[in-house]
Amino acid sequence: MVKNQLSLYVFVSVLFVVGAIFGALMVNALTLEQQQKLAGDVDQYVKLMSAGIGTEEAASFWERFVFHSKWLIVIWLMGVTVVGIPGVLVLNFLKGALVGFSIGTLINQYAWKGVLLSLVSVAPQNLLAVPAMIITSAAAITFAMFVVKNRLIQQKGDLAPELGAYTSTAILMLLVFGAAALLEAYVSPTLIGWVTPLLSSANVTV
């Protein structure tokens, strides 16, 4: 059982990493005009952060918490329906692509300083959000496999404990998503403010 769980974690993690690589490569697939527009948007955001102008922290927290919660709820529902498991895999790939695209955009614009900006703007919340999503996804797949094996094929086994354990895992991961939203709302803007003086329009590579 432990081996099966570990295999699921590795599989979902690899899927996320593949998505991240795909997202990073997508930056170079954009047209020059699209890259320039994206670079302008990022540069404007960096300037706002540098000036201390941004979304109010509490509002930003709730916005990000709701955003993360939607991902978790969708994954939970897909696990409960069983047939939605392919969708769980797609969501993990998509999450990886979004993270990869964000990091790729910053590096494409600011070169090595983009790595530093990624560490303070993208990494903090995702160090919590990504593992939480992977754990929830693995729990969804495990629950679906239990339903298929013990309810649809063998017609045995009590579903309630498994559903309770799956839901408890999802609720616990919701708390982790809440912590990620806190980091994104209260910590990341401060870190970005510290880093932005190192950036200038002269560093734009697009």
N, C-alpha and C. Protein backbone atom coordinates (compact mmCIF):
# COMPACT_ATOMS: atom_id res chain seq x y z
N MET A 1 0.84 -1.21 0.00
CA MET A 1 0.00 0.00 0.00
C MET A 1 0.87 1.25 0.00
N VAL A 2 1.90 1.24 0.86
CA VAL A 2 2.80 2.39 0.93
C VAL A 2 3.52 2.55 -0.41
N LYS A 3 3.93 1.42 -1.01
CA LYS A 3 4.61 1.45 -2.29
C LYS A 3 3.72 2.03 -3.37
N ASN A 4 2.44 1.63 -3.35
CA ASN A 4 1.48 2.15 -4.33
C ASN A 4 1.29 3.64 -4.16
N GLN A 5 1.20 4.09 -2.90
CA GLN A 5 1.04 5.52 -2.62
C GLN A 5 2.25 6.29 -3.13
N LEU A 6 3.44 5.76 -2.86
CA LEU A 6 4.66 6.42 -3.29
C LEU A 6 4.70 6.51 -4.81
N SER A 7 4.27 5.45 -5.47
CA SER A 7 4.26 5.45 -6.94
C SER A 7 3.31 6.52 -7.47
N LEU A 8 2.18 6.70 -6.80
CA LEU A 8 1.23 7.74 -7.22
C LEU A 8 1.83 9.13 -7.05
N TYR A 9 2.48 9.35 -5.91
CA TYR A 9 3.11 10.65 -5.66
C TYR A 9 4.16 10.95 -6.72
N VAL A 10 4.96 9.94 -7.05
CA VAL A 10 6.01 10.12 -8.06
C VAL A 10 5.38 10.40 -9.42
N PHE A 11 4.35 9.65 -9.77
CA PHE A 11 3.70 9.81 -11.07
C PHE A 11 3.10 11.21 -11.22
N VAL A 12 2.35 11.65 -10.21
CA VAL A 12 1.73 12.97 -10.26
C VAL A 12 2.78 14.07 -10.26
N SER A 13 3.84 13.87 -9.49
CA SER A 13 4.92 14.86 -9.43
C SER A 13 5.61 14.99 -10.78
N VAL A 14 5.87 13.85 -11.42
CA VAL A 14 6.50 13.87 -12.74
C VAL A 14 5.60 14.58 -13.75
N LEU A 15 4.31 14.34 -13.64
CA LEU A 15 3.35 14.99 -14.53
C LEU A 15 3.39 16.51 -14.34
N PHE A 16 3.50 16.94 -13.10
CA PHE A 16 3.61 18.37 -12.81
C PHE A 16 4.89 18.95 -13.40
N VAL A 17 6.01 18.24 -13.23
CA VAL A 17 7.30 18.71 -13.74
C VAL A 17 7.27 18.80 -15.27
N VAL A 18 6.67 17.81 -15.91
CA VAL A 18 6.54 17.85 -17.38
C VAL A 18 5.73 19.07 -17.80
N GLY A 19 4.66 19.34 -17.06
CA GLY A 19 3.85 20.52 -17.35
C GLY A 19 4.65 21.81 -17.17
N ALA A 20 5.48 21.85 -16.11
CA ALA A 20 6.31 23.04 -15.86
C ALA A 20 7.30 23.26 -17.00
N ILE A 21 7.91 22.18 -17.49
CA ILE A 21 8.85 22.29 -18.61
C ILE A 21 8.12 22.78 -19.86
N PHE A 22 6.94 22.23 -20.09
CA PHE A 22 6.13 22.64 -21.24
C PHE A 22 5.78 24.12 -21.14
N GLY A 23 5.38 24.57 -19.93
CA GLY A 23 5.02 25.97 -19.74
C GLY A 23 6.19 26.90 -19.97
N ALA A 24 7.38 26.49 -19.50
CA ALA A 24 8.58 27.31 -19.70
C ALA A 24 8.92 27.42 -21.18
N LEU A 25 8.77 26.31 -21.91
CA LEU A 25 9.07 26.34 -23.34
C LEU A 25 8.06 27.15 -24.13
N MET A 26 6.84 27.25 -23.60
CA MET A 26 5.79 28.00 -24.29
C MET A 26 6.13 29.48 -24.40
N VAL A 27 6.95 29.99 -23.47
CA VAL A 27 7.33 31.40 -23.50
C VAL A 27 8.03 31.72 -24.81
N ASN A 28 8.94 30.82 -25.22
CA ASN A 28 9.68 31.04 -26.46
C ASN A 28 8.84 30.80 -27.70
N ALA A 29 7.68 30.15 -27.51
CA ALA A 29 6.80 29.90 -28.65
C ALA A 29 5.92 31.10 -28.97
N LEU A 30 5.90 32.09 -28.08
CA LEU A 30 5.10 33.29 -28.31
C LEU A 30 5.72 34.13 -29.43
N THR A 31 4.88 34.87 -30.11
CA THR A 31 5.38 35.78 -31.13
C THR A 31 6.13 36.93 -30.46
N LEU A 32 6.93 37.66 -31.22
CA LEU A 32 7.68 38.79 -30.68
C LEU A 32 6.73 39.82 -30.08
N GLU A 33 5.62 40.06 -30.76
CA GLU A 33 4.65 41.04 -30.27
C GLU A 33 4.06 40.60 -28.94
N GLN A 34 3.74 39.31 -28.83
CA GLN A 34 3.18 38.78 -27.59
C GLN A 34 4.21 38.85 -26.46
N GLN A 35 5.45 38.54 -26.77
CA GLN A 35 6.50 38.61 -25.75
C GLN A 35 6.71 40.04 -25.27
N GLN A 36 6.66 40.99 -26.20
CA GLN A 36 6.83 42.39 -25.83
C GLN A 36 5.69 42.89 -24.95
N LYS A 37 4.47 42.48 -25.29
CA LYS A 37 3.30 42.88 -24.47
C LYS A 37 3.40 42.26 -23.08
N LEU A 38 3.77 40.99 -23.04
CA LEU A 38 3.91 40.30 -21.76
C LEU A 38 5.01 40.94 -20.93
N ALA A 39 6.13 41.30 -21.60
CA ALA A 39 7.23 41.94 -20.90
C ALA A 39 6.80 43.28 -20.32
N GLY A 40 5.99 44.03 -21.08
CA GLY A 40 5.49 45.31 -20.59
C GLY A 40 4.61 45.15 -19.37
N ASP A 41 3.75 44.12 -19.39
CA ASP A 41 2.86 43.87 -18.25
C ASP A 41 3.67 43.50 -17.00
N VAL A 42 4.67 42.63 -17.18
CA VAL A 42 5.49 42.21 -16.05
C VAL A 42 6.29 43.39 -15.51
N ASP A 43 6.84 44.19 -16.41
CA ASP A 43 7.63 45.35 -15.98
C ASP A 43 6.78 46.34 -15.20
N GLN A 44 5.53 46.52 -15.66
CA GLN A 44 4.62 47.42 -14.96
C GLN A 44 4.29 46.90 -13.56
N TYR A 45 4.10 45.59 -13.46
CA TYR A 45 3.81 44.98 -12.15
C TYR A 45 5.00 45.15 -11.21
N VAL A 46 6.20 44.93 -11.74
CA VAL A 46 7.40 45.07 -10.92
C VAL A 46 7.54 46.51 -10.42
N LYS A 47 7.25 47.48 -11.28
CA LYS A 47 7.35 48.88 -10.88
C LYS A 47 6.34 49.21 -9.78
N LEU A 48 5.12 48.66 -9.88
CA LEU A 48 4.11 48.88 -8.85
C LEU A 48 4.55 48.30 -7.52
N MET A 49 5.12 47.08 -7.56
CA MET A 49 5.61 46.45 -6.34
C MET A 49 6.75 47.26 -5.73
N SER A 50 7.62 47.77 -6.60
CA SER A 50 8.74 48.56 -6.13
C SER A 50 8.29 49.84 -5.46
N ALA A 51 7.17 50.40 -5.96
CA ALA A 51 6.63 51.64 -5.39
C ALA A 51 5.73 51.37 -4.19
N GLY A 52 5.54 50.09 -3.87
CA GLY A 52 4.68 49.74 -2.74
C GLY A 52 3.21 49.85 -3.06
N ILE A 53 2.87 49.82 -4.35
CA ILE A 53 1.47 49.93 -4.77
C ILE A 53 0.99 48.56 -5.19
N GLY A 54 -0.04 48.08 -4.56
CA GLY A 54 -0.56 46.77 -4.92
C GLY A 54 -1.92 46.53 -4.29
N THR A 55 -2.42 45.32 -4.46
CA THR A 55 -3.71 44.97 -3.90
C THR A 55 -3.64 44.91 -2.38
N GLU A 56 -4.67 45.36 -1.71
CA GLU A 56 -4.72 45.30 -0.24
C GLU A 56 -4.58 43.84 0.21
N GLU A 57 -3.77 43.64 1.24
CA GLU A 57 -3.37 42.28 1.62
C GLU A 57 -4.55 41.35 1.90
N ALA A 58 -5.51 41.83 2.68
CA ALA A 58 -6.65 40.97 3.05
C ALA A 58 -7.43 40.56 1.81
N ALA A 59 -7.68 41.51 0.92
CA ALA A 59 -8.41 41.21 -0.31
C ALA A 59 -7.62 40.24 -1.17
N SER A 60 -6.30 40.44 -1.22
CA SER A 60 -5.44 39.56 -2.00
C SER A 60 -5.45 38.15 -1.43
N PHE A 61 -5.45 38.05 -0.08
CA PHE A 61 -5.48 36.73 0.55
C PHE A 61 -6.74 35.97 0.16
N TRP A 62 -7.90 36.62 0.30
CA TRP A 62 -9.15 35.93 -0.01
C TRP A 62 -9.25 35.57 -1.48
N GLU A 63 -8.73 36.45 -2.34
CA GLU A 63 -8.75 36.16 -3.77
C GLU A 63 -7.93 34.91 -4.09
N ARG A 64 -6.72 34.83 -3.51
CA ARG A 64 -5.87 33.68 -3.76
C ARG A 64 -6.38 32.42 -3.08
N PHE A 65 -6.96 32.58 -1.88
CA PHE A 65 -7.50 31.43 -1.17
C PHE A 65 -8.67 30.81 -1.94
N VAL A 66 -9.54 31.67 -2.46
CA VAL A 66 -10.67 31.18 -3.27
C VAL A 66 -10.16 30.50 -4.53
N PHE A 67 -9.13 31.10 -5.15
CA PHE A 67 -8.54 30.52 -6.36
C PHE A 67 -8.01 29.11 -6.08
N HIS A 68 -7.22 28.97 -5.01
CA HIS A 68 -6.67 27.66 -4.66
C HIS A 68 -7.78 26.68 -4.27
N SER A 69 -8.79 27.19 -3.57
CA SER A 69 -9.89 26.33 -3.12
C SER A 69 -10.64 25.74 -4.29
N LYS A 70 -10.79 26.52 -5.35
CA LYS A 70 -11.49 26.02 -6.54
C LYS A 70 -10.75 24.83 -7.15
N TRP A 71 -9.42 24.93 -7.21
CA TRP A 71 -8.64 23.81 -7.72
C TRP A 71 -8.88 22.57 -6.86
N LEU A 72 -8.84 22.75 -5.53
CA LEU A 72 -8.99 21.61 -4.63
C LEU A 72 -10.38 21.00 -4.74
N ILE A 73 -11.40 21.84 -4.78
CA ILE A 73 -12.78 21.33 -4.86
C ILE A 73 -13.00 20.56 -6.15
N VAL A 74 -12.47 21.07 -7.25
CA VAL A 74 -12.62 20.38 -8.53
C VAL A 74 -11.94 19.02 -8.48
N ILE A 75 -10.73 18.97 -7.91
CA ILE A 75 -10.01 17.69 -7.79
C ILE A 75 -10.79 16.73 -6.91
N TRP A 76 -11.32 17.23 -5.78
CA TRP A 76 -12.09 16.37 -4.87
C TRP A 76 -13.31 15.79 -5.59
N LEU A 77 -14.02 16.63 -6.31
CA LEU A 77 -15.21 16.18 -7.03
C LEU A 77 -14.86 15.16 -8.11
N MET A 78 -13.76 15.38 -8.80
CA MET A 78 -13.34 14.43 -9.84
C MET A 78 -12.99 13.09 -9.23
N GLY A 79 -12.39 13.11 -8.03
CA GLY A 79 -12.09 11.86 -7.36
C GLY A 79 -13.34 11.13 -6.93
N VAL A 80 -14.33 11.85 -6.44
CA VAL A 80 -15.59 11.25 -6.00
C VAL A 80 -16.34 10.62 -7.17
N THR A 81 -16.31 11.29 -8.32
CA THR A 81 -17.02 10.77 -9.48
C THR A 81 -16.29 9.62 -10.15
N VAL A 82 -15.02 9.40 -9.80
CA VAL A 82 -14.18 8.34 -10.34
C VAL A 82 -13.80 8.59 -11.80
N VAL A 83 -14.80 8.84 -12.64
CA VAL A 83 -14.53 9.03 -14.07
C VAL A 83 -13.78 10.33 -14.33
N GLY A 84 -13.68 11.17 -13.31
CA GLY A 84 -12.99 12.44 -13.49
C GLY A 84 -11.49 12.37 -13.25
N ILE A 85 -10.96 11.18 -12.98
CA ILE A 85 -9.53 11.04 -12.69
C ILE A 85 -8.63 11.55 -13.82
N PRO A 86 -8.97 11.30 -15.09
CA PRO A 86 -8.14 11.90 -16.15
C PRO A 86 -8.08 13.42 -16.03
N GLY A 87 -9.17 14.01 -15.57
CA GLY A 87 -9.19 15.46 -15.37
C GLY A 87 -8.24 15.89 -14.26
N VAL A 88 -8.09 15.04 -13.24
CA VAL A 88 -7.14 15.34 -12.15
C VAL A 88 -5.72 15.41 -12.70
N LEU A 89 -5.40 14.48 -13.58
CA LEU A 89 -4.08 14.46 -14.19
C LEU A 89 -3.86 15.69 -15.06
N VAL A 90 -4.89 16.06 -15.80
CA VAL A 90 -4.81 17.25 -16.66
C VAL A 90 -4.58 18.50 -15.81
N LEU A 91 -5.28 18.61 -14.68
CA LEU A 91 -5.13 19.77 -13.81
C LEU A 91 -3.71 19.88 -13.25
N ASN A 92 -3.11 18.75 -12.91
CA ASN A 92 -1.73 18.78 -12.42
C ASN A 92 -0.76 19.21 -13.50
N PHE A 93 -0.99 18.72 -14.71
CA PHE A 93 -0.15 19.16 -15.83
C PHE A 93 -0.34 20.65 -16.08
N LEU A 94 -1.59 21.11 -16.02
CA LEU A 94 -1.89 22.53 -16.24
C LEU A 94 -1.27 23.40 -15.16
N LYS A 95 -1.34 22.95 -13.91
CA LYS A 95 -0.72 23.71 -12.82
C LYS A 95 0.79 23.84 -13.05
N GLY A 96 1.41 22.75 -13.46
CA GLY A 96 2.83 22.78 -13.76
C GLY A 96 3.13 23.74 -14.90
N ALA A 97 2.27 23.73 -15.92
CA ALA A 97 2.46 24.62 -17.07
C ALA A 97 2.36 26.08 -16.65
N LEU A 98 1.43 26.39 -15.76
CA LEU A 98 1.27 27.78 -15.29
C LEU A 98 2.49 28.24 -14.51
N VAL A 99 2.98 27.37 -13.63
CA VAL A 99 4.17 27.72 -12.85
C VAL A 99 5.38 27.87 -13.76
N GLY A 100 5.54 26.92 -14.68
CA GLY A 100 6.66 26.98 -15.61
C GLY A 100 6.61 28.20 -16.50
N PHE A 101 5.41 28.55 -16.96
CA PHE A 101 5.26 29.74 -17.81
C PHE A 101 5.62 31.01 -17.04
N SER A 102 5.19 31.08 -15.78
CA SER A 102 5.50 32.25 -14.95
C SER A 102 7.00 32.42 -14.76
N ILE A 103 7.66 31.31 -14.41
CA ILE A 103 9.11 31.37 -14.20
C ILE A 103 9.83 31.66 -15.51
N GLY A 104 9.39 31.01 -16.58
CA GLY A 104 10.01 31.22 -17.88
C GLY A 104 9.89 32.66 -18.35
N THR A 105 8.73 33.28 -18.07
CA THR A 105 8.52 34.67 -18.46
C THR A 105 9.49 35.60 -17.73
N LEU A 106 9.65 35.39 -16.44
CA LEU A 106 10.55 36.24 -15.65
C LEU A 106 12.01 36.07 -16.08
N ILE A 107 12.41 34.83 -16.33
CA ILE A 107 13.79 34.59 -16.76
C ILE A 107 14.02 35.14 -18.16
N ASN A 108 13.03 35.01 -19.02
CA ASN A 108 13.14 35.52 -20.39
C ASN A 108 13.31 37.03 -20.40
N GLN A 109 12.69 37.70 -19.43
CA GLN A 109 12.75 39.16 -19.39
C GLN A 109 13.95 39.69 -18.62
N TYR A 110 14.26 39.06 -17.47
CA TYR A 110 15.30 39.60 -16.60
C TYR A 110 16.56 38.75 -16.52
N ALA A 111 16.66 37.73 -17.37
CA ALA A 111 17.83 36.86 -17.38
C ALA A 111 18.06 36.25 -15.99
N TRP A 112 19.30 36.28 -15.49
CA TRP A 112 19.58 35.61 -14.20
C TRP A 112 18.85 36.27 -13.05
N LYS A 113 18.57 37.58 -13.17
CA LYS A 113 17.82 38.25 -12.11
C LYS A 113 16.37 37.78 -12.07
N GLY A 114 15.92 37.23 -13.19
CA GLY A 114 14.59 36.64 -13.22
C GLY A 114 14.47 35.43 -12.33
N VAL A 115 15.59 34.71 -12.16
CA VAL A 115 15.61 33.56 -11.24
C VAL A 115 15.37 34.05 -9.82
N LEU A 116 16.05 35.13 -9.46
CA LEU A 116 15.88 35.70 -8.13
C LEU A 116 14.45 36.19 -7.93
N LEU A 117 13.90 36.84 -8.94
CA LEU A 117 12.52 37.33 -8.84
C LEU A 117 11.53 36.17 -8.74
N SER A 118 11.83 35.06 -9.43
CA SER A 118 10.98 33.87 -9.35
C SER A 118 10.98 33.28 -7.95
N LEU A 119 12.16 33.32 -7.31
CA LEU A 119 12.29 32.75 -5.96
C LEU A 119 11.46 33.50 -4.94
N VAL A 120 11.23 34.80 -5.17
CA VAL A 120 10.47 35.58 -4.19
C VAL A 120 9.01 35.79 -4.60
N SER A 121 8.70 35.62 -5.88
CA SER A 121 7.33 35.89 -6.33
C SER A 121 6.53 34.63 -6.65
N VAL A 122 7.20 33.61 -7.15
CA VAL A 122 6.50 32.38 -7.56
C VAL A 122 6.72 31.24 -6.56
N ALA A 123 7.94 31.13 -6.06
CA ALA A 123 8.30 29.97 -5.23
C ALA A 123 7.61 29.89 -3.87
N PRO A 124 7.54 30.99 -3.08
CA PRO A 124 7.05 30.85 -1.70
C PRO A 124 5.70 30.15 -1.58
N GLN A 125 4.68 30.63 -2.27
CA GLN A 125 3.36 30.02 -2.16
C GLN A 125 3.30 28.64 -2.79
N ASN A 126 4.06 28.44 -3.87
CA ASN A 126 4.01 27.15 -4.56
C ASN A 126 4.77 26.06 -3.82
N LEU A 127 5.66 26.44 -2.91
CA LEU A 127 6.31 25.43 -2.08
C LEU A 127 5.29 24.73 -1.19
N LEU A 128 4.17 25.39 -0.94
CA LEU A 128 3.07 24.78 -0.17
C LEU A 128 1.96 24.30 -1.09
N ALA A 129 1.58 25.13 -2.06
CA ALA A 129 0.43 24.83 -2.91
C ALA A 129 0.64 23.60 -3.79
N VAL A 130 1.84 23.47 -4.35
CA VAL A 130 2.10 22.34 -5.25
C VAL A 130 2.08 21.00 -4.51
N PRO A 131 2.80 20.84 -3.39
CA PRO A 131 2.69 19.58 -2.65
C PRO A 131 1.26 19.28 -2.20
N ALA A 132 0.52 20.32 -1.79
CA ALA A 132 -0.87 20.12 -1.36
C ALA A 132 -1.71 19.60 -2.51
N MET A 133 -1.48 20.14 -3.71
CA MET A 133 -2.23 19.69 -4.88
C MET A 133 -1.85 18.26 -5.25
N ILE A 134 -0.57 17.94 -5.15
CA ILE A 134 -0.12 16.58 -5.48
C ILE A 134 -0.69 15.57 -4.49
N ILE A 135 -0.69 15.92 -3.20
CA ILE A 135 -1.25 15.02 -2.18
C ILE A 135 -2.74 14.81 -2.40
N THR A 136 -3.46 15.89 -2.68
CA THR A 136 -4.90 15.78 -2.94
C THR A 136 -5.18 14.94 -4.17
N SER A 137 -4.38 15.13 -5.20
CA SER A 137 -4.55 14.38 -6.44
C SER A 137 -4.28 12.89 -6.22
N ALA A 138 -3.22 12.58 -5.47
CA ALA A 138 -2.91 11.18 -5.16
C ALA A 138 -4.04 10.55 -4.34
N ALA A 139 -4.60 11.33 -3.40
CA ALA A 139 -5.72 10.83 -2.60
C ALA A 139 -6.94 10.59 -3.48
N ALA A 140 -7.17 11.45 -4.46
CA ALA A 140 -8.30 11.30 -5.38
C ALA A 140 -8.16 10.03 -6.20
N ILE A 141 -6.95 9.79 -6.70
CA ILE A 141 -6.70 8.59 -7.50
C ILE A 141 -6.84 7.34 -6.64
N THR A 142 -6.33 7.39 -5.41
CA THR A 142 -6.43 6.25 -4.50
C THR A 142 -7.89 5.92 -4.20
N PHE A 143 -8.69 6.95 -3.94
CA PHE A 143 -10.11 6.73 -3.65
C PHE A 143 -10.81 6.14 -4.87
N ALA A 144 -10.52 6.67 -6.04
CA ALA A 144 -11.15 6.17 -7.26
C ALA A 144 -10.79 4.71 -7.51
N MET A 145 -9.53 4.38 -7.28
CA MET A 145 -9.09 2.98 -7.45
C MET A 145 -9.80 2.06 -6.47
N PHE A 146 -10.02 2.55 -5.24
CA PHE A 146 -10.74 1.75 -4.24
C PHE A 146 -12.18 1.49 -4.70
N VAL A 147 -12.83 2.54 -5.20
CA VAL A 147 -14.21 2.40 -5.67
C VAL A 147 -14.30 1.40 -6.81
N VAL A 148 -13.41 1.53 -7.77
CA VAL A 148 -13.43 0.62 -8.93
C VAL A 148 -13.18 -0.82 -8.50
N LYS A 149 -12.18 -1.02 -7.64
CA LYS A 149 -11.80 -2.38 -7.25
C LYS A 149 -12.78 -3.02 -6.28
N ASN A 150 -13.19 -2.28 -5.25
CA ASN A 150 -13.96 -2.87 -4.16
C ASN A 150 -15.46 -2.66 -4.26
N ARG A 151 -15.90 -1.75 -5.10
CA ARG A 151 -17.34 -1.51 -5.22
C ARG A 151 -17.89 -1.91 -6.59
N LEU A 152 -17.17 -1.62 -7.62
CA LEU A 152 -17.67 -1.92 -8.97
C LEU A 152 -17.31 -3.33 -9.42
N ILE A 153 -16.13 -3.82 -9.03
CA ILE A 153 -15.68 -5.13 -9.49
C ILE A 153 -16.01 -6.23 -8.48
N GLN A 154 -15.55 -6.08 -7.24
CA GLN A 154 -15.71 -7.14 -6.24
C GLN A 154 -16.97 -6.99 -5.40
N GLN A 155 -17.59 -5.82 -5.46
CA GLN A 155 -18.83 -5.56 -4.71
C GLN A 155 -18.65 -5.83 -3.21
N LYS A 156 -17.55 -5.31 -2.65
CA LYS A 156 -17.32 -5.47 -1.22
C LYS A 156 -16.54 -4.26 -0.72
N GLY A 157 -16.47 -4.16 0.60
CA GLY A 157 -15.74 -3.05 1.20
C GLY A 157 -16.67 -1.91 1.56
N ASP A 158 -16.36 -1.27 2.67
CA ASP A 158 -17.16 -0.15 3.16
C ASP A 158 -16.62 1.15 2.56
N LEU A 159 -17.48 1.87 1.88
CA LEU A 159 -17.07 3.09 1.19
C LEU A 159 -16.88 4.27 2.14
N ALA A 160 -17.67 4.31 3.21
CA ALA A 160 -17.68 5.47 4.11
C ALA A 160 -16.30 5.81 4.70
N PRO A 161 -15.57 4.82 5.25
CA PRO A 161 -14.25 5.17 5.81
C PRO A 161 -13.29 5.74 4.78
N GLU A 162 -13.32 5.17 3.57
CA GLU A 162 -12.43 5.65 2.52
C GLU A 162 -12.80 7.06 2.09
N LEU A 163 -14.11 7.32 1.97
CA LEU A 163 -14.56 8.65 1.61
C LEU A 163 -14.22 9.66 2.71
N GLY A 164 -14.35 9.21 3.97
CA GLY A 164 -14.01 10.08 5.10
C GLY A 164 -12.53 10.43 5.11
N ALA A 165 -11.70 9.42 4.86
CA ALA A 165 -10.25 9.66 4.84
C ALA A 165 -9.87 10.58 3.68
N TYR A 166 -10.49 10.36 2.53
CA TYR A 166 -10.23 11.19 1.35
C TYR A 166 -10.65 12.64 1.60
N THR A 167 -11.83 12.81 2.18
CA THR A 167 -12.33 14.16 2.45
C THR A 167 -11.49 14.84 3.53
N SER A 168 -11.07 14.08 4.53
CA SER A 168 -10.22 14.65 5.59
C SER A 168 -8.89 15.14 5.01
N THR A 169 -8.33 14.37 4.09
CA THR A 169 -7.10 14.79 3.43
C THR A 169 -7.31 16.08 2.66
N ALA A 170 -8.44 16.18 1.95
CA ALA A 170 -8.75 17.38 1.18
C ALA A 170 -8.90 18.60 2.10
N ILE A 171 -9.56 18.41 3.24
CA ILE A 171 -9.75 19.52 4.18
C ILE A 171 -8.40 19.97 4.75
N LEU A 172 -7.55 19.00 5.08
CA LEU A 172 -6.22 19.33 5.59
C LEU A 172 -5.41 20.11 4.55
N MET A 173 -5.51 19.68 3.30
CA MET A 173 -4.80 20.37 2.23
C MET A 173 -5.39 21.76 1.98
N LEU A 174 -6.68 21.92 2.29
CA LEU A 174 -7.29 23.25 2.17
C LEU A 174 -6.62 24.22 3.14
N LEU A 175 -6.28 23.73 4.32
CA LEU A 175 -5.56 24.57 5.29
C LEU A 175 -4.18 24.93 4.77
N VAL A 176 -3.54 23.98 4.09
CA VAL A 176 -2.22 24.25 3.50
C VAL A 176 -2.36 25.30 2.41
N PHE A 177 -3.42 25.20 1.60
CA PHE A 177 -3.67 26.20 0.57
C PHE A 177 -3.90 27.57 1.20
N GLY A 178 -4.54 27.58 2.38
CA GLY A 178 -4.74 28.83 3.09
C GLY A 178 -3.42 29.46 3.49
N ALA A 179 -2.48 28.60 3.95
CA ALA A 179 -1.15 29.09 4.31
C ALA A 179 -0.42 29.62 3.07
N ALA A 180 -0.61 28.95 1.94
CA ALA A 180 0.00 29.42 0.69
C ALA A 180 -0.56 30.78 0.29
N ALA A 181 -1.86 30.96 0.48
CA ALA A 181 -2.49 32.25 0.16
C ALA A 181 -1.96 33.35 1.07
N LEU A 182 -1.72 33.01 2.33
CA LEU A 182 -1.14 33.98 3.26
C LEU A 182 0.24 34.43 2.80
N LEU A 183 1.05 33.47 2.39
CA LEU A 183 2.38 33.81 1.89
C LEU A 183 2.29 34.70 0.66
N GLU A 184 1.38 34.35 -0.23
CA GLU A 184 1.24 35.10 -1.48
C GLU A 184 0.75 36.52 -1.23
N ALA A 185 -0.10 36.69 -0.22
CA ALA A 185 -0.69 38.01 0.03
C ALA A 185 0.18 38.89 0.91
N TYR A 186 0.86 38.30 1.89
CA TYR A 186 1.57 39.11 2.88
C TYR A 186 3.10 39.05 2.78
N VAL A 187 3.64 37.92 2.32
CA VAL A 187 5.09 37.76 2.30
C VAL A 187 5.70 38.08 0.94
N SER A 188 5.12 37.50 -0.11
CA SER A 188 5.69 37.68 -1.46
C SER A 188 5.80 39.15 -1.87
N PRO A 189 4.77 39.99 -1.65
CA PRO A 189 4.91 41.41 -2.04
C PRO A 189 6.09 42.10 -1.37
N THR A 190 6.33 41.78 -0.08
CA THR A 190 7.46 42.37 0.62
C THR A 190 8.78 41.91 0.03
N LEU A 191 8.88 40.62 -0.26
CA LEU A 191 10.10 40.08 -0.87
C LEU A 191 10.33 40.69 -2.25
N ILE A 192 9.25 40.83 -3.01
CA ILE A 192 9.37 41.43 -4.34
C ILE A 192 9.85 42.87 -4.23
N GLY A 193 9.34 43.58 -3.23
CA GLY A 193 9.76 44.95 -3.01
C GLY A 193 11.25 45.06 -2.71
N TRP A 194 11.79 44.06 -2.02
CA TRP A 194 13.23 44.06 -1.73
C TRP A 194 14.05 43.79 -2.99
N VAL A 195 13.53 42.96 -3.88
CA VAL A 195 14.28 42.53 -5.06
C VAL A 195 14.19 43.51 -6.22
N THR A 196 13.04 44.16 -6.36
CA THR A 196 12.82 45.02 -7.53
C THR A 196 13.86 46.12 -7.74
N PRO A 197 14.50 46.68 -6.69
CA PRO A 197 15.54 47.68 -6.97
C PRO A 197 16.70 47.12 -7.80
N LEU A 198 16.87 45.80 -7.79
CA LEU A 198 17.93 45.19 -8.58
C LEU A 198 17.58 45.12 -10.06
N LEU A 199 16.29 45.32 -10.34
CA LEU A 199 15.81 45.20 -11.72
C LEU A 199 15.68 46.57 -12.35
N SER A 200 15.90 46.62 -13.59
CA SER A 200 15.70 47.89 -14.31
C SER A 200 15.35 47.56 -15.75
N SER A 201 14.83 48.54 -16.44
CA SER A 201 14.44 48.32 -17.84
C SER A 201 15.62 47.93 -18.70
N ALA A 202 16.83 48.27 -18.21
CA ALA A 202 18.01 47.92 -18.99
C ALA A 202 18.25 46.42 -19.01
N ASN A 203 17.61 45.70 -18.05
CA ASN A 203 17.81 44.26 -17.97
C ASN A 203 16.83 43.49 -18.83
N VAL A 204 15.87 44.18 -19.46
CA VAL A 204 14.86 43.50 -20.25
C VAL A 204 15.51 42.88 -21.47
N THR A 205 15.25 41.60 -21.69
CA THR A 205 15.88 40.90 -22.80
C THR A 205 14.94 40.69 -23.96
N VAL A 206 13.66 40.97 -23.78
CA VAL A 206 12.68 40.74 -24.85
C VAL A 206 12.82 41.83 -25.89
